[in-house]
Protein backbone atom coordinates (compact mmCIF):
# COMPACT_ATOMS: atom_id res chain seq x y z
CA MET A 1 7.77 14.66 -1.25
CA ASN A 2 8.55 13.29 -4.15
CA ARG A 3 7.40 9.44 -5.58
CA ASN A 4 10.62 8.05 -3.86
CA LEU A 5 10.10 9.69 -0.61
CA GLY A 6 6.24 8.50 -0.44
CA LEU A 7 7.42 4.78 -1.23
CA LEU A 8 10.49 4.96 1.35
CA ALA A 9 7.66 6.28 3.71
CA LEU A 10 5.54 3.33 2.82
CA CYS A 11 8.43 0.95 3.45
CA GLN A 12 9.09 2.62 6.87
CA GLY A 13 5.23 2.02 7.35
CA LEU A 14 5.48 -2.19 6.58
CA PHE A 15 8.83 -1.84 8.19
CA LEU A 16 6.49 -0.88 11.80
CA THR A 17 3.79 -2.66 11.00
CA ASN A 18 6.10 -5.79 11.83
CA ASN A 19 7.79 -4.03 14.53
CA VAL A 20 4.30 -3.23 16.23
CA THR A 21 3.18 -7.07 15.52
CA PHE A 22 6.18 -8.60 16.84
CA ILE A 23 5.91 -6.69 20.08
CA ALA A 24 2.44 -7.72 20.33
CA ILE A 25 2.63 -11.18 19.70
CA ASN A 26 6.08 -12.35 20.48
CA GLY A 27 5.20 -12.18 24.40
CA LEU A 28 2.50 -13.88 24.13
CA VAL A 29 3.77 -16.78 22.04
CA GLY A 30 6.92 -17.01 24.00
CA LEU A 31 4.65 -17.32 27.12
CA ALA A 32 2.83 -20.17 25.95
CA LEU A 33 5.98 -21.66 24.72
CA ALA A 34 8.59 -20.84 27.47
CA PRO A 35 9.74 -23.66 29.36
CA LEU A 36 9.84 -21.19 32.23
CA GLY A 37 7.93 -18.06 32.76
CA TRP A 38 10.52 -15.37 32.98
CA MET A 39 11.68 -16.35 29.68
CA ALA A 40 8.57 -15.61 28.35
CA THR A 41 10.06 -12.13 26.89
CA LEU A 42 13.23 -13.31 24.90
CA PRO A 43 11.58 -13.62 21.77
CA VAL A 44 10.92 -9.99 22.37
CA MET A 45 14.64 -9.46 23.02
CA GLY A 46 15.73 -11.54 20.47
CA TYR A 47 14.58 -9.32 17.52
CA VAL A 48 16.25 -6.33 19.25
CA VAL A 49 19.86 -8.05 20.00
CA GLY A 50 19.96 -9.40 16.24
CA GLY A 51 19.21 -6.03 15.30
CA ALA A 52 22.60 -5.11 17.54
CA LEU A 53 24.61 -7.88 16.19
CA SER A 54 23.15 -7.02 12.43
CA THR A 55 24.56 -3.68 12.62
CA GLY A 56 28.33 -4.48 11.24
CA VAL A 57 27.14 -7.30 8.74
CA VAL A 58 24.59 -4.36 7.21
CA ALA A 59 26.98 -1.78 7.31
CA ARG A 60 28.83 -3.88 4.96
CA THR A 61 26.39 -4.92 2.43
CA GLN A 62 25.09 -1.36 2.27
CA SER A 63 28.99 -0.61 1.22
CA ARG A 64 29.35 -3.28 -1.18
CA PHE A 65 25.87 -3.66 -2.91
CA GLY A 66 24.13 -0.31 -2.43
CA ARG A 67 21.02 0.66 -0.94
CA LYS A 68 18.68 -0.94 -2.94
CA ALA A 69 19.79 -4.29 -3.13
CA SER A 70 20.78 -4.18 0.55
CA PHE A 71 17.26 -3.03 1.86
CA GLN A 72 15.85 -5.73 -0.60
CA LEU A 73 18.27 -8.70 1.46
CA GLY A 74 17.13 -7.25 4.51
CA LEU A 75 13.13 -7.71 3.12
CA VAL A 76 14.39 -11.29 2.16
CA VAL A 77 15.22 -11.88 5.39
CA ALA A 78 12.26 -10.62 7.23
CA PHE A 79 9.62 -13.23 4.57
CA LEU A 80 11.77 -15.99 6.01
CA SER A 81 12.64 -14.83 9.34
CA ALA A 82 8.37 -14.56 9.58
CA LEU A 83 7.98 -17.82 7.97
CA LEU A 84 10.28 -19.69 10.40
CA CYS A 85 8.50 -18.25 13.43
CA ALA A 86 5.37 -19.56 11.80
CA TYR A 87 6.84 -22.88 11.71
CA ALA A 88 8.52 -22.32 15.52
CA ALA A 89 4.59 -21.66 16.82
CA PHE A 90 2.95 -24.51 14.74
CA SER A 91 5.90 -27.11 16.22
CA LYS A 92 5.77 -25.36 19.81
CA ASN A 93 9.47 -25.27 19.45
CA PHE A 94 10.39 -22.18 22.03
CA TRP A 95 14.00 -21.95 20.87
CA LEU A 96 13.65 -21.74 17.68
CA LEU A 97 11.25 -18.94 17.91
CA CYS A 98 14.12 -17.07 19.64
CA ALA A 99 16.32 -17.99 17.09
CA ALA A 100 13.87 -16.93 14.24
CA THR A 101 13.52 -13.92 16.25
CA VAL A 102 17.60 -13.10 16.39
CA VAL A 103 17.38 -13.76 12.47
CA ALA A 104 14.76 -11.19 11.84
CA GLY A 105 16.73 -8.45 13.55
CA TYR A 106 18.53 -8.51 10.77
CA TYR A 107 15.75 -6.93 8.96
CA ASN A 108 15.42 -4.55 12.10
CA ALA A 109 19.10 -3.10 11.65
CA ASN A 110 18.49 -2.93 7.58
CA ALA A 111 15.53 -1.01 7.68
CA GLY A 112 16.50 1.58 10.76
CA LEU A 113 18.73 3.06 7.88
CA TYR A 114 15.23 3.83 6.04
CA ARG A 115 15.81 7.21 7.50
CA PHE A 116 19.31 7.84 6.29
CA ALA A 117 18.56 6.82 2.77
CA ALA A 118 15.73 9.80 2.77
CA ALA A 119 18.24 12.15 3.39
CA GLU A 120 20.16 11.07 0.36
CA VAL A 121 16.97 10.72 -1.84
CA ALA A 122 15.80 14.32 -0.77
CA GLY A 123 19.34 16.05 -1.44
CA ALA A 124 20.98 18.47 0.56
CA THR A 125 18.65 21.28 0.70
CA ALA A 126 15.91 19.35 2.26
CA GLN A 127 17.42 16.48 4.01
CA GLU A 128 15.43 17.24 7.52
CA LYS A 129 11.77 17.15 6.05
CA ALA A 130 13.02 14.18 4.50
CA VAL A 131 13.60 12.08 7.58
CA SER A 132 10.92 13.67 9.14
CA LEU A 133 8.41 12.48 6.64
CA VAL A 134 9.85 8.87 6.10
CA MET A 135 9.41 8.31 9.71
CA ALA A 136 5.90 9.67 10.02
CA GLY A 137 5.02 6.63 7.36
CA GLY A 138 5.40 4.58 11.07
CA LEU A 139 1.70 5.75 11.29
CA LEU A 140 1.16 2.98 9.09
CA GLY A 141 2.43 0.52 11.70
CA ALA A 142 0.67 2.32 14.52
CA VAL A 143 -2.75 0.89 13.10
CA ALA A 144 -2.02 -1.94 10.62
CA GLY A 145 -0.02 -3.77 13.84
CA PRO A 146 -2.13 -4.32 16.10
CA ASN A 147 -5.12 -4.66 14.23
CA LEU A 148 -3.20 -7.31 11.95
CA ALA A 149 -2.24 -9.05 15.14
CA ALA A 150 -5.63 -9.06 16.22
CA TYR A 151 -7.63 -10.25 12.70
CA THR A 152 -5.08 -13.10 12.47
CA ARG A 153 -5.01 -14.43 16.27
CA ASN A 154 -7.23 -17.19 15.35
CA LEU A 155 -6.26 -17.50 11.74
CA PHE A 156 -5.23 -21.44 12.31
CA GLU A 157 -5.39 -23.60 15.73
CA VAL A 158 -2.21 -22.52 16.88
CA PRO A 159 -2.62 -18.43 18.52
CA PHE A 160 -1.07 -15.72 16.30
CA ALA A 161 0.75 -18.54 13.93
CA GLY A 162 -1.21 -16.67 11.31
CA ALA A 163 -0.06 -13.26 12.34
CA TYR A 164 3.42 -14.59 11.52
CA ILE A 165 2.59 -16.02 7.77
CA ALA A 166 1.13 -12.29 7.52
CA LEU A 167 3.77 -10.75 8.35
CA ALA A 168 5.45 -12.67 5.32
CA GLY A 169 2.83 -10.88 3.03
CA VAL A 170 4.25 -7.36 4.70
CA ALA A 171 7.60 -8.30 3.60
CA LEU A 172 6.20 -8.50 0.30
CA LEU A 173 4.77 -5.74 0.06
CA GLY A 174 8.07 -4.09 1.12
CA MET A 175 9.89 -5.78 -1.94
CA LEU A 176 7.61 -4.57 -4.09
CA ALA A 177 7.22 -0.97 -2.72
CA LEU A 178 11.17 -0.55 -2.78
CA SER A 179 11.64 -2.01 -6.59
CA PHE A 180 9.95 1.19 -7.70
CA ILE A 181 12.41 3.21 -5.52
CA THR A 182 15.24 5.19 -7.80
CA PHE A 183 18.42 5.54 -4.99
CA PRO A 184 21.21 8.29 -6.15
CA PRO A 185 23.77 6.45 -7.77
CA VAL A 186 26.93 4.86 -5.61
CA PRO A 187 29.74 7.37 -5.99
CA PRO A 188 32.96 4.98 -7.45
CA LYS A 189 35.30 4.41 -4.78
CA LYS A 190 38.72 6.25 -5.43
CA ALA A 191 41.92 5.39 -4.71
CA GLY A 192 43.12 6.98 -1.31
CA ARG A 193 39.42 8.32 -0.38
CA GLN A 194 38.30 5.97 1.87
CA GLY A 195 37.53 8.46 4.97
CA ARG A 196 38.58 8.63 8.32
CA PRO A 197 38.63 6.06 10.70
CA LEU A 198 35.82 5.24 12.40
CA ARG A 199 37.14 6.05 16.09
CA GLU A 200 38.36 9.57 14.54
CA ILE A 201 34.52 10.00 13.18
CA MET A 202 33.25 9.03 17.04
CA ARG A 203 35.21 11.52 18.46
CA GLN A 204 33.45 14.87 17.23
CA PRO A 205 31.32 16.29 19.64
CA VAL A 206 28.39 16.12 17.14
CA PHE A 207 28.61 12.37 16.47
CA ILE A 208 28.85 11.66 20.20
CA VAL A 209 25.48 14.19 20.98
CA ALA A 210 24.38 12.45 17.99
CA ALA A 211 24.99 8.67 19.34
CA ALA A 212 24.26 9.53 23.01
CA THR A 213 20.78 11.28 22.47
CA GLY A 214 19.53 9.03 19.73
CA ALA A 215 20.47 5.81 21.85
CA LEU A 216 18.97 7.48 25.11
CA SER A 217 15.94 8.62 24.16
CA PHE A 218 15.11 5.14 22.27
CA GLY A 219 16.19 3.79 26.09
CA ILE A 220 13.77 5.75 27.52
CA MET A 221 10.79 5.51 25.43
CA ASN A 222 11.29 1.36 25.13
CA LEU A 223 11.97 1.31 29.07
CA LEU A 224 8.50 2.62 29.90
CA MET A 225 6.37 1.80 26.79
CA ALA A 226 7.25 -2.22 27.39
CA ALA A 227 6.58 -1.53 30.91
CA THR A 228 3.34 0.18 30.32
CA PRO A 229 0.76 -3.15 30.01
CA ILE A 230 2.34 -4.68 33.07
CA ALA A 231 1.94 -1.70 34.82
CA MET A 232 -1.61 -1.32 33.81
CA GLN A 233 -2.17 -4.74 34.82
CA MET A 234 -0.72 -4.47 37.82
CA CYS A 235 -3.14 -1.09 38.70
CA GLY A 236 -6.30 -3.43 37.64
CA LEU A 237 -6.85 -1.99 33.80
CA PRO A 238 -8.42 -4.17 31.33
CA PHE A 239 -6.10 -4.97 28.02
CA SER A 240 -8.27 -3.04 25.82
CA ASP A 241 -7.18 -0.24 27.84
CA ALA A 242 -3.55 -0.70 27.40
CA ALA A 243 -4.20 -1.48 23.74
CA LEU A 244 -5.32 1.91 23.40
CA VAL A 245 -2.94 3.72 24.97
CA LEU A 246 -0.41 2.14 23.10
CA GLU A 247 -2.32 2.95 19.94
CA TRP A 248 -1.91 6.75 21.22
CA HIS A 249 1.58 6.24 21.89
CA VAL A 250 2.56 4.86 18.33
CA ILE A 251 0.62 7.96 16.70
CA GLY A 252 2.51 10.40 19.06
CA MET A 253 6.11 9.00 17.89
CA PHE A 254 4.83 9.12 14.23
CA ALA A 255 2.36 11.83 13.71
CA PRO A 256 4.90 14.65 14.55
CA GLY A 257 6.91 13.44 11.59
CA PHE A 258 4.75 15.82 9.38
CA PHE A 259 6.10 18.98 10.74
CA THR A 260 9.19 18.24 12.64
CA GLY A 261 11.32 18.57 9.90
CA HIS A 262 9.70 21.96 9.25
CA LEU A 263 10.69 22.91 12.69
CA ILE A 264 14.22 21.84 12.65
CA LYS A 265 14.89 23.70 9.13
CA ARG A 266 13.54 26.69 10.93
CA PHE A 267 15.02 26.50 14.58
CA GLY A 268 17.75 24.11 14.32
CA ALA A 269 18.04 20.26 15.65
CA LEU A 270 19.20 21.54 19.32
CA PRO A 271 15.87 23.89 19.99
CA ILE A 272 13.73 21.17 18.80
CA MET A 273 15.59 18.72 21.03
CA GLY A 274 15.15 20.62 23.74
CA VAL A 275 11.25 20.82 23.12
CA GLY A 276 11.47 16.91 22.86
CA ILE A 277 13.22 16.62 26.42
CA ALA A 278 10.44 19.03 27.84
CA LEU A 279 8.26 16.36 26.35
CA TYR A 280 9.57 13.80 28.20
CA LEU A 281 9.63 15.42 31.88
CA GLY A 282 5.75 15.93 30.91
CA CYS A 283 5.61 12.10 30.32
CA ILE A 284 7.04 11.59 33.56
CA ALA A 285 5.45 14.32 35.70
CA VAL A 286 2.08 12.77 34.10
CA ALA A 287 2.71 9.49 35.05
CA LEU A 288 4.05 10.36 38.34
CA SER A 289 0.83 12.10 39.07
CA GLY A 290 -1.43 8.75 39.00
CA VAL A 291 -2.76 5.68 37.71
CA ASN A 292 -5.55 6.24 36.09
CA LEU A 293 -6.25 5.24 31.94
CA HIS A 294 -5.96 9.34 31.24
CA GLN A 295 -2.83 9.65 32.94
CA PHE A 296 -1.43 6.77 31.41
CA LEU A 297 -2.85 7.75 27.74
CA ILE A 298 -1.33 11.37 27.89
CA ALA A 299 2.33 9.95 29.83
CA LEU A 300 2.50 7.73 26.97
CA PHE A 301 1.37 9.97 24.21
CA LEU A 302 3.93 12.73 25.67
CA LEU A 303 6.38 10.18 25.68
CA GLY A 304 6.12 9.48 21.73
CA MET A 305 5.96 12.98 21.11
CA GLY A 306 9.15 13.58 23.13
CA TRP A 307 10.92 10.67 21.26
CA ASN A 308 10.19 11.98 17.98
CA PHE A 309 11.34 15.27 18.76
CA VAL A 310 14.85 13.97 20.21
CA PHE A 311 15.29 10.79 17.66
CA THR A 312 14.64 13.34 13.99
CA GLY A 313 17.09 15.99 15.89
CA SER A 314 19.73 13.36 16.68
CA THR A 315 19.15 11.60 13.09
CA THR A 316 19.49 15.34 11.40
CA LEU A 317 22.59 16.14 13.53
CA SER A 318 24.81 13.16 12.61
CA LEU A 319 24.19 13.76 8.92
CA SER A 320 27.05 16.38 9.44
CA ALA A 321 29.46 13.99 11.27
CA TYR A 322 30.38 12.20 8.12
CA THR A 323 31.04 12.17 4.56
CA ALA A 324 29.78 9.92 1.73
CA GLU A 325 33.01 8.16 2.20
CA GLU A 326 32.11 7.42 5.49
CA LYS A 327 28.19 6.80 5.94
CA ASP A 328 28.05 3.08 5.96
CA ARG A 329 30.37 2.48 9.28
CA ALA A 330 29.32 5.60 10.81
CA GLN A 331 25.46 4.73 10.58
CA GLY A 332 26.40 1.41 11.64
CA ALA A 333 28.05 2.43 14.72
CA LEU A 334 24.93 4.76 15.15
CA ASN A 335 22.46 1.95 14.84
CA PHE A 336 24.55 -0.12 17.00
CA PHE A 337 24.12 2.09 20.19
CA VAL A 338 20.56 2.28 19.66
CA PHE A 339 19.86 -1.08 19.27
CA ALA A 340 22.53 -2.12 22.60
CA THR A 341 20.16 0.45 24.36
CA LEU A 342 16.90 -0.88 23.02
CA ALA A 343 18.71 -4.78 24.42
CA LEU A 344 19.09 -3.46 27.85
CA SER A 345 16.09 -1.17 28.29
CA SER A 346 13.69 -4.25 27.17
CA PHE A 347 15.22 -6.55 29.32
CA ALA A 348 15.34 -4.19 32.39
CA SER A 349 11.81 -2.76 31.84
CA GLY A 350 9.95 -6.07 32.82
CA VAL A 351 12.02 -6.57 35.83
CA LEU A 352 11.99 -3.28 37.36
CA VAL A 353 8.37 -2.68 36.94
CA THR A 354 7.18 -5.91 38.50
CA THR A 355 9.99 -5.65 41.05
CA ARG A 356 10.10 -1.60 41.60
CA GLY A 357 6.61 -0.55 40.20
CA TRP A 358 5.50 1.92 37.79
CA THR A 359 6.10 5.05 40.24
CA LEU A 360 10.04 3.92 40.73
CA LEU A 361 10.68 3.31 37.25
CA ASN A 362 9.40 6.71 36.05
CA TRP A 363 11.65 8.15 38.74
CA GLY A 364 14.31 5.84 37.68
CA SER A 365 14.16 7.10 34.01
CA LEU A 366 14.53 11.06 35.19
CA PRO A 367 18.07 10.97 35.59
CA VAL A 368 18.61 9.56 31.90
CA VAL A 369 16.36 12.27 30.39
CA LEU A 370 18.68 14.83 32.25
CA LEU A 371 21.61 13.20 30.87
CA THR A 372 20.22 13.42 27.56
CA ALA A 373 19.33 17.31 28.37
CA GLY A 374 23.26 17.40 29.35
CA ALA A 375 24.53 16.74 26.25
CA LEU A 376 22.52 18.62 24.15
CA LEU A 377 23.84 21.65 26.66
CA TRP A 378 27.38 20.90 25.99
CA LEU A 379 27.54 20.66 22.31
CA ALA A 380 25.32 23.74 22.14
CA VAL A 381 28.39 25.09 23.97
CA VAL A 382 30.99 23.65 22.48
CA THR A 383 29.31 24.45 18.68
CA LYS A 384 29.30 28.21 20.17
CA ARG A 385 32.86 28.16 21.31
CA ALA A 386 33.90 26.91 17.70
CA GLN A 387 31.84 29.60 16.20
CA ASN A 388 33.52 32.44 18.41
CA GLN A 389 36.83 31.21 17.35
CA ARG A 390 36.23 31.09 13.82
CA THR A 391 34.89 35.03 13.82
CA THR A 392 38.25 36.07 15.96
């Protein structure tokens, strides 16, 4: 850990504060403003869809202007879009709220690259630990996000308008923290050294598995997490219980960041990702065992830990799939797969839990977990075969 990594972890925490607050309030504000009830979650989807649509633009700005300027641009967008969300709430304009969250998705896609920047700041000998530690900064969002929404809910006559204004302040804090970070200088581009085409990078087994496991791990996590408050309400549990469960879920997502990198450094990415798969299976087993508070809490905590192990491992895997000249387009592609999967799971979660129920939703997530496990086994076999060929 050094100053740059510590500040990046703080930026990650402020980013997660934004995300958790958006998740907590966008659906409620949408429900109050939407012309039809089923449209209530469109502002939630807008944030994810905006992230997916922005991945290409973010990759180009990162390549042209470098890490620091591009990250600051993302925070400017976060500041302006939060104020636009507040104006939409004050003016009771549902479609403006949806548009504002789509614009905010640029910040989502931009800040999603903090973990890759951490690896560059730390250097080649400590990449796993750096990625893990910066992701641990998300613990700030686990605590600050729900409390920010609660304390600012009635700041103005319009519910949650104060929360959006507070998020503009969070963006300003992010700009301040980022201004003190020193990123490695961008090497000058040499003629004829543009790296491989993206399609060639994406054909590598390690890239395929890194992209698939990163996207699927996020999809599984989001599918079950987004459905949890609805499922708990359908089971007769109060919102205070749902808030407790989600808080422990987010803690499970980011607390392992303090040691996941050490484990990956010692045992390798694939074994640690395999542990994450086992945690996913444990989550499903607990969720299927009953619908009491403790079962929801344990299941969601295991879900968060499983996500951390698999997603941190997939990020570490991806670092070996591209060179410095190729990083912007490769990382843009990785983020696109994540956001596209998140958009699909965000929409599917509410529909499935309300029409099929919590039990069938968990059974339905099992094939996705097994598919993720299959991808890890395939890469292990391919890697072992390549090693044997090099030794013979």
